Amino acid sequence: MAIYCIGDIQGCHDEFVALLERLRFDPARDRLWLTGDLVNRGPRSLSVMRYVRDLGDIATVILGNHDIHMLAAWSGASKLKKNDTVQHVLDAPDADELMHWLRRQPLIHEDPDLGYVMLHAGVLPAWTLDKARSLAREAEAALSGDRYQDLFENIYGDEPAAWSDDLTGWDRLRCIINALTRMRFCDAEGRMRMDYKGPPGKQPAGLYPWFEVPGRQPMPAGQVLVVGHWSTLGYHEQEDVVALDTGCLWGGCLTAIRLDGPDRQRVSYPCPGAKKPGA
């Protein structure tokens, strides 16, 4: 058995299937972890969703910001944006079934024996893994619960940018979800900054990649965060973080790593790209 983790697919179904073929993925024995953003901007989000949903327990999916945005549009709490490409998903005869399946996926998935914790964007510098896990469960309960439409109506916005245990209500849930699904940079005090999305090294003065903020809480020994979300970062490895969004959507590649081997084998499939950078 092999366990593979694959970065953001974003509707690039053909490249996803081709990467699985390159991996010689066998659903009878192997397992998949997917870092979120199954959908949007690419051309075949519906095919991706049906394919992954039909894998059942073989595939572990977490929610990304594009997945949540599509859910909000489906619920009627938001409108699609100019560059969104998920209207065909919302119009599908099985749309409701797919959306209810999607909103019940987690924000964090972990396997302590493997030594990996998967989430879409990152962990706020002030959070321990235990804290992130606990807060993720709060947000998951809201996403999967009966008041999901109320959540989607209150989910948009960049504030509060800093975490406080005193946060309540929609502000609390918005901060948690923003950190886990949207965050790239923070300032030295650990406040999220959503206004810059480029690569590290070109950010405004005073900003740090979330995983380089001074004083960031380290992960427990032997545990590694595996994330997606940040295509301009590309593949990145450090002691307790591996980033897997290698820009399939933008003409880069779709990347997988093997989680159950000693050498973290990496396999990629080149993609022609569905969008031009900056579009």
C-alpha atoms as a PDB file:
ATOM      1  CA  MET A   1       0.000   0.000   0.000  1.00  0.00           C
ATOM      2  CA  ALA A   2       1.128   3.542  -0.764  1.00  0.00           C
ATOM      3  CA  ILE A   3      -0.252   6.809   0.651  1.00  0.00           C
ATOM      4  CA  TYR A   4       0.086   9.836  -1.624  1.00  0.00           C
ATOM      5  CA  CYS A   5      -0.663  13.482  -0.942  1.00  0.00           C
ATOM      6  CA  ILE A   6      -1.487  15.673  -3.960  1.00  0.00           C
ATOM      7  CA  GLY A   7      -1.559  19.470  -4.126  1.00  0.00           C
ATOM      8  CA  ASP A   8      -4.341  21.760  -5.352  1.00  0.00           C
ATOM      9  CA  ILE A   9      -6.177  20.294  -8.374  1.00  0.00           C
ATOM     10  CA  GLN A  10      -8.531  23.258  -9.023  1.00  0.00           C
ATOM     11  CA  GLY A  11     -10.615  21.582 -11.675  1.00  0.00           C
ATOM     12  CA  CYS A  12      -7.680  20.209 -13.704  1.00  0.00           C
ATOM     13  CA  HIS A  13      -9.193  16.753 -13.998  1.00  0.00           C
ATOM     14  CA  ASP A  14      -7.118  15.451 -16.904  1.00  0.00           C
ATOM     15  CA  GLU A  15      -3.832  16.285 -15.190  1.00  0.00           C
ATOM     16  CA  PHE A  16      -5.074  14.715 -11.956  1.00  0.00           C
ATOM     17  CA  VAL A  17      -5.910  11.422 -13.683  1.00  0.00           C
ATOM     18  CA  ALA A  18      -2.608  11.500 -15.579  1.00  0.00           C
ATOM     19  CA  LEU A  19      -0.683  11.990 -12.324  1.00  0.00           C
ATOM     20  CA  LEU A  20      -2.484   9.041 -10.754  1.00  0.00           C
ATOM     21  CA  GLU A  21      -1.487   6.950 -13.759  1.00  0.00           C
ATOM     22  CA  ARG A  22       2.108   8.099 -13.396  1.00  0.00           C
ATOM     23  CA  LEU A  23       1.984   7.058  -9.734  1.00  0.00           C
ATOM     24  CA  ARG A  24       0.484   3.692 -10.751  1.00  0.00           C
ATOM     25  CA  PHE A  25      -2.189   4.464  -8.196  1.00  0.00           C
ATOM     26  CA  ASP A  26      -4.299   1.411  -7.397  1.00  0.00           C
ATOM     27  CA  PRO A  27      -7.508   2.143  -5.460  1.00  0.00           C
ATOM     28  CA  ALA A  28      -7.586  -1.470  -4.330  1.00  0.00           C
ATOM     29  CA  ARG A  29      -4.514  -0.904  -2.186  1.00  0.00           C
ATOM     30  CA  ASP A  30      -3.400   2.770  -2.209  1.00  0.00           C
ATOM     31  CA  ARG A  31      -4.758   5.863  -0.490  1.00  0.00           C
ATOM     32  CA  LEU A  32      -4.920   9.576  -1.365  1.00  0.00           C
ATOM     33  CA  TRP A  33      -4.689  12.766   0.664  1.00  0.00           C
ATOM     34  CA  LEU A  34      -5.799  15.915  -1.190  1.00  0.00           C
ATOM     35  CA  THR A  35      -4.809  19.361   0.112  1.00  0.00           C
ATOM     36  CA  GLY A  36      -8.049  21.159  -0.818  1.00  0.00           C
ATOM     37  CA  ASP A  37      -9.178  23.388  -3.684  1.00  0.00           C
ATOM     38  CA  LEU A  38     -10.545  20.534  -5.724  1.00  0.00           C
ATOM     39  CA  VAL A  39     -12.397  23.102  -7.804  1.00  0.00           C
ATOM     40  CA  ASN A  40     -12.403  26.439  -9.621  1.00  0.00           C
ATOM     41  CA  ARG A  41     -10.379  28.250 -12.266  1.00  0.00           C
ATOM     42  CA  GLY A  42      -9.669  24.981 -14.087  1.00  0.00           C
ATOM     43  CA  PRO A  43     -12.036  23.539 -16.717  1.00  0.00           C
ATOM     44  CA  ARG A  44     -13.433  20.320 -15.196  1.00  0.00           C
ATOM     45  CA  SER A  45     -14.312  20.860 -11.558  1.00  0.00           C
ATOM     46  CA  LEU A  46     -17.424  18.695 -11.784  1.00  0.00           C
ATOM     47  CA  SER A  47     -15.410  15.733 -13.055  1.00  0.00           C
ATOM     48  CA  VAL A  48     -12.880  16.163 -10.256  1.00  0.00           C
ATOM     49  CA  MET A  49     -15.587  16.262  -7.601  1.00  0.00           C
ATOM     50  CA  ARG A  50     -17.381  13.195  -8.896  1.00  0.00           C
ATOM     51  CA  TYR A  51     -14.134  11.260  -9.277  1.00  0.00           C
ATOM     52  CA  VAL A  52     -12.941  12.029  -5.752  1.00  0.00           C
ATOM     53  CA  ARG A  53     -16.353  11.543  -4.149  1.00  0.00           C
ATOM     54  CA  ASP A  54     -16.686   8.142  -5.818  1.00  0.00           C
ATOM     55  CA  LEU A  55     -13.349   7.024  -4.349  1.00  0.00           C
ATOM     56  CA  GLY A  56     -15.046   7.015  -0.952  1.00  0.00           C
ATOM     57  CA  ASP A  57     -12.761   6.351   2.013  1.00  0.00           C
ATOM     58  CA  ILE A  58      -9.809   5.827  -0.309  1.00  0.00           C
ATOM     59  CA  ALA A  59      -9.467   9.613  -0.641  1.00  0.00           C
ATOM     60  CA  THR A  60      -9.163  12.055   2.259  1.00  0.00           C
ATOM     61  CA  VAL A  61     -10.126  15.593   1.251  1.00  0.00           C
ATOM     62  CA  ILE A  62      -9.798  18.812   3.208  1.00  0.00           C
ATOM     63  CA  LEU A  63     -11.519  22.081   2.383  1.00  0.00           C
ATOM     64  CA  GLY A  64      -9.715  24.922   0.622  1.00  0.00           C
ATOM     65  CA  ASN A  65     -10.798  28.516   0.084  1.00  0.00           C
ATOM     66  CA  HIS A  66     -12.084  27.849  -3.460  1.00  0.00           C
ATOM     67  CA  ASP A  67     -14.146  24.926  -2.222  1.00  0.00           C
ATOM     68  CA  ILE A  68     -15.701  27.122   0.472  1.00  0.00           C
ATOM     69  CA  HIS A  69     -16.344  29.932  -2.022  1.00  0.00           C
ATOM     70  CA  MET A  70     -18.217  27.526  -4.290  1.00  0.00           C
ATOM     71  CA  LEU A  71     -20.237  26.283  -1.334  1.00  0.00           C
ATOM     72  CA  ALA A  72     -21.168  29.859  -0.452  1.00  0.00           C
ATOM     73  CA  ALA A  73     -22.346  30.491  -4.024  1.00  0.00           C
ATOM     74  CA  TRP A  74     -24.354  27.263  -3.994  1.00  0.00           C
ATOM     75  CA  SER A  75     -26.034  28.272  -0.733  1.00  0.00           C
ATOM     76  CA  GLY A  76     -27.058  31.635  -2.201  1.00  0.00           C
ATOM     77  CA  ALA A  77     -24.906  33.583   0.264  1.00  0.00           C
ATOM     78  CA  SER A  78     -22.453  34.803  -2.397  1.00  0.00           C
ATOM     79  CA  LYS A  79     -22.175  35.315  -6.135  1.00  0.00           C
ATOM     80  CA  LEU A  80     -19.550  33.759  -8.358  1.00  0.00           C
ATOM     81  CA  LYS A  81     -16.737  36.032  -9.504  1.00  0.00           C
ATOM     82  CA  LYS A  82     -15.709  36.832 -13.068  1.00  0.00           C
ATOM     83  CA  ASN A  83     -12.917  34.246 -13.187  1.00  0.00           C
ATOM     84  CA  ASP A  84     -14.766  31.440 -11.398  1.00  0.00           C
ATOM     85  CA  THR A  85     -15.412  28.328 -13.478  1.00  0.00           C
ATOM     86  CA  VAL A  86     -17.790  26.329 -11.304  1.00  0.00           C
ATOM     87  CA  GLN A  87     -21.195  27.294 -12.683  1.00  0.00           C
ATOM     88  CA  HIS A  88     -21.386  23.916 -14.408  1.00  0.00           C
ATOM     89  CA  VAL A  89     -20.986  22.271 -10.989  1.00  0.00           C
ATOM     90  CA  LEU A  90     -23.846  24.307  -9.520  1.00  0.00           C
ATOM     91  CA  ASP A  91     -26.028  23.457 -12.540  1.00  0.00           C
ATOM     92  CA  ALA A  92     -25.344  19.710 -12.391  1.00  0.00           C
ATOM     93  CA  PRO A  93     -28.253  17.379 -11.552  1.00  0.00           C
ATOM     94  CA  ASP A  94     -26.291  16.019  -8.594  1.00  0.00           C
ATOM     95  CA  ALA A  95     -25.122  19.448  -7.371  1.00  0.00           C
ATOM     96  CA  ASP A  96     -26.898  19.283  -4.010  1.00  0.00           C
ATOM     97  CA  GLU A  97     -25.553  15.828  -3.290  1.00  0.00           C
ATOM     98  CA  LEU A  98     -22.012  16.929  -4.141  1.00  0.00           C
ATOM     99  CA  MET A  99     -22.238  20.132  -2.102  1.00  0.00           C
ATOM    100  CA  HIS A 100     -23.514  18.383   1.006  1.00  0.00           C
ATOM    101  CA  TRP A 101     -20.688  15.859   0.638  1.00  0.00           C
ATOM    102  CA  LEU A 102     -18.136  18.659   0.234  1.00  0.00           C
ATOM    103  CA  ARG A 103     -19.234  20.803   3.182  1.00  0.00           C
ATOM    104  CA  ARG A 104     -18.802  17.808   5.494  1.00  0.00           C
ATOM    105  CA  GLN A 105     -15.114  17.418   4.673  1.00  0.00           C
ATOM    106  CA  PRO A 106     -12.617  18.435   7.378  1.00  0.00           C
ATOM    107  CA  LEU A 107     -10.279  21.422   7.610  1.00  0.00           C
ATOM    108  CA  ILE A 108      -7.486  19.379   9.180  1.00  0.00           C
ATOM    109  CA  HIS A 109      -6.587  15.727   8.759  1.00  0.00           C
ATOM    110  CA  GLU A 110      -3.744  14.004  10.564  1.00  0.00           C
ATOM    111  CA  ASP A 111      -2.109  10.645  11.009  1.00  0.00           C
ATOM    112  CA  PRO A 112       0.305  10.678  13.963  1.00  0.00           C
ATOM    113  CA  ASP A 113       1.791   7.339  12.939  1.00  0.00           C
ATOM    114  CA  LEU A 114       2.687   8.713   9.512  1.00  0.00           C
ATOM    115  CA  GLY A 115       3.834  11.979  11.064  1.00  0.00           C
ATOM    116  CA  TYR A 116       1.801  14.252   8.787  1.00  0.00           C
ATOM    117  CA  VAL A 117      -0.909  16.845   9.387  1.00  0.00           C
ATOM    118  CA  MET A 118      -2.728  18.094   6.266  1.00  0.00           C
ATOM    119  CA  LEU A 119      -4.472  21.436   5.915  1.00  0.00           C
ATOM    120  CA  HIS A 120      -4.974  23.880   3.078  1.00  0.00           C
ATOM    121  CA  ALA A 121      -3.155  27.114   3.960  1.00  0.00           C
ATOM    122  CA  GLY A 122      -1.412  27.196   7.312  1.00  0.00           C
ATOM    123  CA  VAL A 123      -1.475  27.442  11.088  1.00  0.00           C
ATOM    124  CA  LEU A 124      -1.428  30.821  12.781  1.00  0.00           C
ATOM    125  CA  PRO A 125       1.983  31.399  14.390  1.00  0.00           C
ATOM    126  CA  ALA A 126       0.466  31.647  17.874  1.00  0.00           C
ATOM    127  CA  TRP A 127      -1.373  28.326  17.611  1.00  0.00           C
ATOM    128  CA  THR A 128      -0.022  25.023  18.795  1.00  0.00           C
ATOM    129  CA  LEU A 129      -1.125  21.989  16.829  1.00  0.00           C
ATOM    130  CA  ASP A 130      -3.535  21.113  19.636  1.00  0.00           C
ATOM    131  CA  LYS A 131      -5.043  24.605  19.400  1.00  0.00           C
ATOM    132  CA  ALA A 132      -5.351  24.439  15.612  1.00  0.00           C
ATOM    133  CA  ARG A 133      -6.987  21.030  15.831  1.00  0.00           C
ATOM    134  CA  SER A 134      -9.521  22.194  18.417  1.00  0.00           C
ATOM    135  CA  LEU A 135     -10.418  25.359  16.493  1.00  0.00           C
ATOM    136  CA  ALA A 136     -10.718  23.449  13.232  1.00  0.00           C
ATOM    137  CA  ARG A 137     -13.322  21.205  14.850  1.00  0.00           C
ATOM    138  CA  GLU A 138     -15.356  24.293  15.810  1.00  0.00           C
ATOM    139  CA  ALA A 139     -15.381  25.528  12.227  1.00  0.00           C
ATOM    140  CA  GLU A 140     -16.081  22.056  10.816  1.00  0.00           C
ATOM    141  CA  ALA A 141     -19.129  21.786  13.047  1.00  0.00           C
ATOM    142  CA  ALA A 142     -20.450  25.057  11.620  1.00  0.00           C
ATOM    143  CA  LEU A 143     -19.719  24.051   8.016  1.00  0.00           C
ATOM    144  CA  SER A 144     -21.406  20.675   8.361  1.00  0.00           C
ATOM    145  CA  GLY A 145     -24.236  21.808  10.616  1.00  0.00           C
ATOM    146  CA  ASP A 146     -27.761  22.960   9.886  1.00  0.00           C
ATOM    147  CA  ARG A 147     -26.851  26.684   9.987  1.00  0.00           C
ATOM    148  CA  TYR A 148     -24.276  26.456   7.201  1.00  0.00           C
ATOM    149  CA  GLN A 149     -26.026  29.140   5.135  1.00  0.00           C
ATOM    150  CA  ASP A 150     -25.732  31.613   8.033  1.00  0.00           C
ATOM    151  CA  LEU A 151     -22.035  30.840   8.188  1.00  0.00           C
ATOM    152  CA  PHE A 152     -21.537  31.454   4.467  1.00  0.00           C
ATOM    153  CA  GLU A 153     -23.378  34.774   4.726  1.00  0.00           C
ATOM    154  CA  ASN A 154     -20.862  35.898   7.350  1.00  0.00           C
ATOM    155  CA  ILE A 155     -17.668  34.241   6.159  1.00  0.00           C
ATOM    156  CA  TYR A 156     -16.223  36.884   3.821  1.00  0.00           C
ATOM    157  CA  GLY A 157     -13.733  39.528   4.955  1.00  0.00           C
ATOM    158  CA  ASP A 158     -10.158  39.785   6.219  1.00  0.00           C
ATOM    159  CA  GLU A 159     -10.949  40.774   9.805  1.00  0.00           C
ATOM    160  CA  PRO A 160     -10.218  39.927  12.505  1.00  0.00           C
ATOM    161  CA  ALA A 161      -6.622  39.569  11.340  1.00  0.00           C
ATOM    162  CA  ALA A 162      -5.311  38.474  14.736  1.00  0.00           C
ATOM    163  CA  TRP A 163      -6.445  35.624  16.909  1.00  0.00           C
ATOM    164  CA  SER A 164      -7.822  36.135  20.400  1.00  0.00           C
ATOM    165  CA  ASP A 165      -9.409  33.549  22.620  1.00  0.00           C
ATOM    166  CA  ASP A 166     -12.020  36.213  23.381  1.00  0.00           C
ATOM    167  CA  LEU A 167     -13.358  36.129  19.797  1.00  0.00           C
ATOM    168  CA  THR A 168     -16.922  34.885  19.511  1.00  0.00           C
ATOM    169  CA  GLY A 169     -19.578  34.237  16.896  1.00  0.00           C
ATOM    170  CA  TRP A 170     -18.936  34.856  13.224  1.00  0.00           C
ATOM    171  CA  ASP A 171     -15.707  36.785  13.916  1.00  0.00           C
ATOM    172  CA  ARG A 172     -14.258  33.742  15.627  1.00  0.00           C
ATOM    173  CA  LEU A 173     -15.254  31.346  12.861  1.00  0.00           C
ATOM    174  CA  ARG A 174     -14.109  33.731  10.116  1.00  0.00           C
ATOM    175  CA  CYS A 175     -10.671  34.083  11.723  1.00  0.00           C
ATOM    176  CA  ILE A 176     -10.277  30.322  12.065  1.00  0.00           C
ATOM    177  CA  ILE A 177     -11.343  29.592   8.488  1.00  0.00           C
ATOM    178  CA  ASN A 178      -9.222  32.408   7.056  1.00  0.00           C
ATOM    179  CA  ALA A 179      -6.130  31.080   8.800  1.00  0.00           C
ATOM    180  CA  LEU A 180      -6.664  27.483   7.758  1.00  0.00           C
ATOM    181  CA  THR A 181      -7.715  28.167   4.158  1.00  0.00           C
ATOM    182  CA  ARG A 182      -6.480  31.629   3.026  1.00  0.00           C
ATOM    183  CA  MET A 183      -3.372  32.707   4.947  1.00  0.00           C
ATOM    184  CA  ARG A 184       0.022  33.222   3.319  1.00  0.00           C
ATOM    185  CA  PHE A 185       1.748  36.121   5.090  1.00  0.00           C
ATOM    186  CA  CYS A 186       1.656  37.524   8.613  1.00  0.00           C
ATOM    187  CA  ASP A 187       3.365  40.460  10.276  1.00  0.00           C
ATOM    188  CA  ALA A 188       5.838  40.031  13.139  1.00  0.00           C
ATOM    189  CA  GLU A 189       2.979  39.996  15.658  1.00  0.00           C
ATOM    190  CA  GLY A 190       1.281  37.135  13.823  1.00  0.00           C
ATOM    191  CA  ARG A 191      -1.550  39.163  12.272  1.00  0.00           C
ATOM    192  CA  MET A 192      -2.694  37.796   8.907  1.00  0.00           C
ATOM    193  CA  ARG A 193      -2.145  39.941   5.810  1.00  0.00           C
ATOM    194  CA  MET A 194      -4.279  38.862   2.874  1.00  0.00           C
ATOM    195  CA  ASP A 195      -3.394  41.708   0.486  1.00  0.00           C
ATOM    196  CA  TYR A 196      -0.191  40.189  -0.935  1.00  0.00           C
ATOM    197  CA  LYS A 197      -0.232  36.821  -2.714  1.00  0.00           C
ATOM    198  CA  GLY A 198       3.140  36.716  -4.437  1.00  0.00           C
ATOM    199  CA  PRO A 199       6.239  34.672  -3.626  1.00  0.00           C
ATOM    200  CA  PRO A 200       8.385  35.090  -0.523  1.00  0.00           C
ATOM    201  CA  GLY A 201      11.205  37.559  -1.037  1.00  0.00           C
ATOM    202  CA  LYS A 202       9.072  40.145  -2.810  1.00  0.00           C
ATOM    203  CA  GLN A 203       6.556  40.887  -0.071  1.00  0.00           C
ATOM    204  CA  PRO A 204       6.165  44.327   1.545  1.00  0.00           C
ATOM    205  CA  ALA A 205       8.524  45.106   4.407  1.00  0.00           C
ATOM    206  CA  GLY A 206       7.484  43.660   7.727  1.00  0.00           C
ATOM    207  CA  LEU A 207       5.686  40.614   6.335  1.00  0.00           C
ATOM    208  CA  TYR A 208       6.776  37.019   6.752  1.00  0.00           C
ATOM    209  CA  PRO A 209       5.546  33.732   5.313  1.00  0.00           C
ATOM    210  CA  TRP A 210       3.364  32.339   8.087  1.00  0.00           C
ATOM    211  CA  PHE A 211       5.864  29.544   8.709  1.00  0.00           C
ATOM    212  CA  GLU A 212       8.741  32.044   9.207  1.00  0.00           C
ATOM    213  CA  VAL A 213       7.126  34.432  11.679  1.00  0.00           C
ATOM    214  CA  PRO A 214       9.503  34.942  14.634  1.00  0.00           C
ATOM    215  CA  GLY A 215       8.396  32.931  17.641  1.00  0.00           C
ATOM    216  CA  ARG A 216       6.033  30.675  15.691  1.00  0.00           C
ATOM    217  CA  GLN A 217       4.830  27.728  17.727  1.00  0.00           C
ATOM    218  CA  PRO A 218       6.690  24.647  16.454  1.00  0.00           C
ATOM    219  CA  MET A 219       4.952  21.453  15.517  1.00  0.00           C
ATOM    220  CA  PRO A 220       5.375  18.497  17.884  1.00  0.00           C
ATOM    221  CA  ALA A 221       8.502  16.483  17.243  1.00  0.00           C
ATOM    222  CA  GLY A 222       8.075  14.172  14.279  1.00  0.00           C
ATOM    223  CA  GLN A 223       4.963  15.918  12.928  1.00  0.00           C
ATOM    224  CA  VAL A 224       5.044  17.745   9.575  1.00  0.00           C
ATOM    225  CA  LEU A 225       2.395  20.056   8.144  1.00  0.00           C
ATOM    226  CA  VAL A 226       1.578  19.367   4.500  1.00  0.00           C
ATOM    227  CA  VAL A 227      -0.250  22.247   2.792  1.00  0.00           C
ATOM    228  CA  GLY A 228      -1.310  23.607  -0.585  1.00  0.00           C
ATOM    229  CA  HIS A 229      -2.853  26.982  -1.469  1.00  0.00           C
ATOM    230  CA  TRP A 230       0.265  29.003  -2.380  1.00  0.00           C
ATOM    231  CA  SER A 231       1.128  28.489  -6.047  1.00  0.00           C
ATOM    232  CA  THR A 232       3.700  31.311  -6.143  1.00  0.00           C
ATOM    233  CA  LEU A 233       5.581  29.628  -3.303  1.00  0.00           C
ATOM    234  CA  GLY A 234       5.782  26.375  -5.235  1.00  0.00           C
ATOM    235  CA  TYR A 235       7.239  23.228  -3.748  1.00  0.00           C
ATOM    236  CA  HIS A 236       8.783  24.010  -0.384  1.00  0.00           C
ATOM    237  CA  GLU A 237      10.291  21.823   2.318  1.00  0.00           C
ATOM    238  CA  GLN A 238      11.526  22.678   5.764  1.00  0.00           C
ATOM    239  CA  GLU A 239      11.689  20.756   9.014  1.00  0.00           C
ATOM    240  CA  ASP A 240       7.989  20.906   9.850  1.00  0.00           C
ATOM    241  CA  VAL A 241       6.295  22.135   6.636  1.00  0.00           C
ATOM    242  CA  VAL A 242       5.907  20.765   3.114  1.00  0.00           C
ATOM    243  CA  ALA A 243       4.030  22.904   0.554  1.00  0.00           C
ATOM    244  CA  LEU A 244       2.599  21.143  -2.507  1.00  0.00           C
ATOM    245  CA  ASP A 245       0.811  23.714  -4.695  1.00  0.00           C
ATOM    246  CA  THR A 246       3.095  23.821  -7.719  1.00  0.00           C
ATOM    247  CA  GLY A 247       0.807  25.836  -9.966  1.00  0.00           C
ATOM    248  CA  CYS A 248      -0.895  23.218 -12.108  1.00  0.00           C
ATOM    249  CA  LEU A 249      -3.590  25.746 -12.914  1.00  0.00           C
ATOM    250  CA  TRP A 250      -1.018  28.307 -14.048  1.00  0.00           C
ATOM    251  CA  GLY A 251       1.032  26.081 -16.333  1.00  0.00           C
ATOM    252  CA  GLY A 252       3.262  24.574 -13.663  1.00  0.00           C
ATOM    253  CA  CYS A 253       2.683  20.998 -12.572  1.00  0.00           C
ATOM    254  CA  LEU A 254       0.549  18.889 -10.291  1.00  0.00           C
ATOM    255  CA  THR A 255       2.663  17.363  -7.545  1.00  0.00           C
ATOM    256  CA  ALA A 256       2.334  14.344  -5.281  1.00  0.00           C
ATOM    257  CA  ILE A 257       4.517  13.123  -2.449  1.00  0.00           C
ATOM    258  CA  ARG A 258       4.496   9.678  -0.932  1.00  0.00           C
ATOM    259  CA  LEU A 259       3.797   9.927   2.780  1.00  0.00           C
ATOM    260  CA  ASP A 260       4.514   6.369   3.899  1.00  0.00           C
ATOM    261  CA  GLY A 261       8.075   6.022   2.620  1.00  0.00           C
ATOM    262  CA  PRO A 262      11.343   7.069   4.247  1.00  0.00           C
ATOM    263  CA  ASP A 263      12.439   9.486   1.505  1.00  0.00           C
ATOM    264  CA  ARG A 264       9.220  11.458   0.761  1.00  0.00           C
ATOM    265  CA  GLN A 265       9.283  10.512  -2.916  1.00  0.00           C
ATOM    266  CA  ARG A 266       8.015  13.375  -5.115  1.00  0.00           C
ATOM    267  CA  VAL A 267       6.288  12.872  -8.483  1.00  0.00           C
ATOM    268  CA  SER A 268       4.901  15.627 -10.723  1.00  0.00           C
ATOM    269  CA  TYR A 269       2.911  15.874 -13.925  1.00  0.00           C
ATOM    270  CA  PRO A 270       3.402  18.941 -16.168  1.00  0.00           C
ATOM    271  CA  CYS A 271       0.333  20.991 -16.969  1.00  0.00           C
ATOM    272  CA  PRO A 272      -0.325  23.328 -19.885  1.00  0.00           C
ATOM    273  CA  GLY A 273      -2.258  25.660 -17.621  1.00  0.00           C
ATOM    274  CA  ALA A 274      -5.851  26.810 -17.696  1.00  0.00           C
ATOM    275  CA  LYS A 275      -5.068  30.406 -16.733  1.00  0.00           C
ATOM    276  CA  LYS A 276      -2.301  32.906 -17.293  1.00  0.00           C
ATOM    277  CA  PRO A 277      -0.582  34.222 -14.141  1.00  0.00           C
ATOM    278  CA  GLY A 278      -2.259  37.388 -13.031  1.00  0.00           C
ATOM    279  CA  ALA A 279      -5.530  36.628 -14.820  1.00  0.00           C
END
